[in-house]
Protein backbone atom coordinates (compact mmCIF):
# COMPACT_ATOMS: atom_id res chain seq x y z
CA UNK A 1 -43.51 184.71 103.99
CA UNK A 2 -45.97 182.93 101.71
CA UNK A 3 -46.45 179.22 102.52
CA UNK A 4 -45.39 178.07 99.05
CA UNK A 5 -42.15 180.11 99.13
CA UNK A 6 -41.48 178.94 102.69
CA UNK A 7 -41.89 175.26 101.66
CA UNK A 8 -39.55 175.75 98.70
CA UNK A 9 -36.94 177.37 100.93
CA UNK A 10 -37.18 174.49 103.45
CA UNK A 11 -36.72 171.90 100.67
CA UNK A 12 -33.71 173.70 99.22
CA UNK A 13 -32.01 174.13 102.59
CA UNK A 14 -32.72 170.51 103.54
CA UNK A 15 -31.18 169.30 100.29
CA UNK A 16 -28.08 171.43 100.80
CA UNK A 17 -27.63 170.14 104.34
CA UNK A 18 -28.06 166.48 103.38
CA UNK A 19 -26.07 166.41 100.11
CA UNK A 20 -22.55 166.54 101.61
CA UNK A 21 -23.37 163.78 104.12
CA UNK A 22 -24.51 161.45 101.32
CA UNK A 23 -21.53 162.03 99.06
CA UNK A 24 -18.90 159.28 98.99
CA UNK A 25 -15.54 160.04 97.47
CA UNK A 26 -15.06 157.62 94.59
CA UNK A 27 -12.25 155.07 94.66
CA UNK A 28 -8.93 155.95 93.07
CA UNK A 29 -6.14 153.64 91.99
CA UNK A 30 -2.89 154.00 90.15
CA UNK A 31 -0.55 151.11 89.50
CA UNK A 32 0.16 147.98 87.55
CA UNK A 33 0.42 144.21 87.64
CA UNK A 34 3.13 142.41 85.69
CA UNK A 35 2.75 138.71 84.99
CA UNK A 36 5.50 137.22 82.86
CA UNK A 37 5.97 139.58 79.94
CA UNK A 38 2.48 141.09 80.25
CA UNK A 39 1.82 144.38 82.00
CA UNK A 40 -1.69 145.38 83.11
CA UNK A 41 -2.68 148.84 84.32
CA UNK A 42 -4.79 148.69 87.48
CA UNK A 43 -7.42 151.45 87.23
CA UNK A 44 -10.37 150.32 89.34
CA UNK A 45 -10.74 149.64 93.06
CA UNK A 46 -13.37 148.22 95.40
CA UNK A 47 -13.02 147.52 99.12
CA UNK A 48 -15.46 145.20 100.86
CA UNK A 49 -15.60 143.49 104.21
CA UNK A 50 -14.82 139.82 103.73
CA UNK A 51 -18.00 137.74 103.51
CA UNK A 52 -16.28 135.13 105.70
CA UNK A 53 -14.89 137.49 108.36
CA UNK A 54 -16.17 141.09 108.69
CA UNK A 55 -12.98 142.02 110.58
CA UNK A 56 -11.03 141.52 107.34
CA UNK A 57 -11.14 143.55 104.14
CA UNK A 58 -10.86 142.51 100.53
CA UNK A 59 -9.26 145.24 98.45
CA UNK A 60 -9.87 144.44 94.80
CA UNK A 61 -7.67 146.32 92.29
CA UNK A 62 -8.48 145.54 88.66
CA UNK A 63 -8.11 146.47 85.01
CA UNK A 64 -11.90 146.73 84.55
CA UNK A 65 -14.63 148.19 86.72
CA UNK A 66 -16.66 145.83 88.89
CA UNK A 67 -19.60 146.22 91.24
CA UNK A 68 -19.39 145.98 95.02
CA UNK A 69 -21.50 142.82 94.76
CA UNK A 70 -18.98 141.20 92.39
CA UNK A 71 -16.03 142.29 94.56
CA UNK A 72 -17.64 140.57 97.57
CA UNK A 73 -18.15 137.30 95.66
CA UNK A 74 -14.91 135.34 95.34
CA UNK A 75 -16.32 132.90 92.78
CA UNK A 76 -17.69 135.74 90.63
CA UNK A 77 -14.30 137.49 90.69
CA UNK A 78 -12.64 134.24 89.63
CA UNK A 79 -15.17 133.78 86.81
CA UNK A 80 -14.53 137.33 85.49
CA UNK A 81 -10.78 136.81 85.62
CA UNK A 82 -10.81 133.36 84.01
CA UNK A 83 -12.94 134.63 81.14
CA UNK A 84 -10.35 137.37 80.47
CA UNK A 85 -12.71 140.24 81.35
CA UNK A 86 -10.27 141.58 83.93
CA UNK A 87 -6.91 141.06 85.57
CA UNK A 88 -5.96 142.25 89.00
CA UNK A 89 -5.08 141.68 92.61
CA UNK A 90 -7.34 140.95 95.59
CA UNK A 91 -5.59 141.87 98.83
CA UNK A 92 -6.78 140.67 102.24
CA UNK A 93 -6.07 142.92 105.25
CA UNK A 94 -7.02 143.00 108.89
CA UNK A 95 -9.36 146.00 109.24
CA UNK A 96 -8.76 146.35 112.98
CA UNK A 97 -4.96 146.02 112.96
CA UNK A 98 -3.48 146.61 109.49
CA UNK A 99 0.04 145.17 109.41
CA UNK A 100 2.54 146.69 106.92
CA UNK A 101 4.77 143.62 107.29
CA UNK A 102 2.10 141.15 106.18
CA UNK A 103 0.77 140.66 102.65
CA UNK A 104 -1.93 138.20 101.69
CA UNK A 105 -4.11 137.91 98.61
CA UNK A 106 -4.59 136.49 95.14
CA UNK A 107 -3.66 137.42 91.60
CA UNK A 108 -6.70 137.39 89.31
CA UNK A 109 -5.68 136.03 85.91
CA UNK A 110 -7.20 134.50 82.78
CA UNK A 111 -7.33 130.72 82.37
CA UNK A 112 -4.66 131.06 79.67
CA UNK A 113 -2.28 132.58 82.22
CA UNK A 114 -3.22 130.38 85.15
CA UNK A 115 -5.42 127.29 84.75
CA UNK A 116 -7.05 127.98 88.12
CA UNK A 117 -7.61 131.67 87.34
CA UNK A 118 -5.92 132.87 90.47
CA UNK A 119 -2.64 132.54 92.28
CA UNK A 120 -2.97 132.77 96.05
CA UNK A 121 0.01 134.29 97.84
CA UNK A 122 1.14 135.35 101.27
CA UNK A 123 4.30 136.98 102.56
CA UNK A 124 5.64 138.30 105.83
CA UNK A 125 8.71 139.57 107.60
CA UNK A 126 9.31 142.47 105.19
CA UNK A 127 7.65 145.82 104.74
CA UNK A 128 5.45 145.52 101.66
CA UNK A 129 3.11 148.37 102.50
CA UNK A 130 4.49 151.87 102.23
CA UNK A 131 1.14 153.09 103.52
CA UNK A 132 -1.92 151.22 104.85
CA UNK A 133 -4.64 153.10 106.68
CA UNK A 134 -8.12 151.85 107.55
CA UNK A 135 -10.54 154.31 109.12
CA UNK A 136 -13.56 156.47 108.52
CA UNK A 137 -15.06 153.73 106.33
CA UNK A 138 -12.18 154.09 103.85
CA UNK A 139 -8.94 152.25 103.13
CA UNK A 140 -5.87 153.98 101.72
CA UNK A 141 -2.69 152.21 100.75
CA UNK A 142 0.45 151.90 98.72
CA UNK A 143 1.92 148.44 98.28
CA UNK A 144 4.67 146.78 96.28
CA UNK A 145 5.50 143.10 95.83
CA UNK A 146 7.55 141.01 93.41
CA UNK A 147 8.11 137.31 92.99
CA UNK A 148 10.75 135.67 90.81
CA UNK A 149 10.10 132.91 88.28
CA UNK A 150 10.16 129.41 89.72
CA UNK A 151 12.03 126.32 88.54
CA UNK A 152 8.66 124.65 87.91
CA UNK A 153 7.91 127.18 85.16
CA UNK A 154 5.80 129.82 86.87
CA UNK A 155 6.73 133.25 85.46
CA UNK A 156 7.91 136.17 87.52
CA UNK A 157 5.18 138.54 88.63
CA UNK A 158 4.92 141.82 90.49
CA UNK A 159 2.55 144.61 91.34
CA UNK A 160 2.91 148.15 92.57
CA UNK A 161 -0.19 150.17 93.33
CA UNK A 162 -1.54 153.15 95.27
CA UNK A 163 -5.26 153.29 96.05
CA UNK A 164 -8.01 154.84 98.10
CA UNK A 165 -11.47 153.28 98.34
CA UNK A 166 -14.62 153.46 100.45
CA UNK A 167 -15.34 150.28 102.38
CA UNK A 168 -18.64 148.49 101.76
CA UNK A 169 -20.22 145.57 103.57
CA UNK A 170 -20.22 142.28 101.67
CA UNK A 171 -23.82 141.52 102.57
């Protein structure tokens, strides 16, 4: 075999062998967030290890696409939400021991909807997660939660979403 043809064959075979290992399935998400009378379709997902605790994940489900860097920066996420560039939910889960009876996170809203831009929530003792799997550097889940309006004037809100996302490190 001629050296030039041999080199070309080696390059082609090397590329074919490496390509599948480098491919990452993109995130998928289908669901919605309702806040008061508004309904927002959640179409984008990012999953990052919490910058404060690498044993925990932040699963960010939003109306607009964001970078991994933005998903890992709580203040940047709040800034994007407050400016009205996105709405969504940031869920916090234990990567080592996902618990379907525990739900923790924050709604990401505009400053018109919530002066602070986010509403932090937590719930337990019920099954909120229909599915929650963490493994193989990916998180897959289906979750549903609803909260009624309060006497102090906070509107009712709810979300229902299915997602699958690769997990990235925050740093």
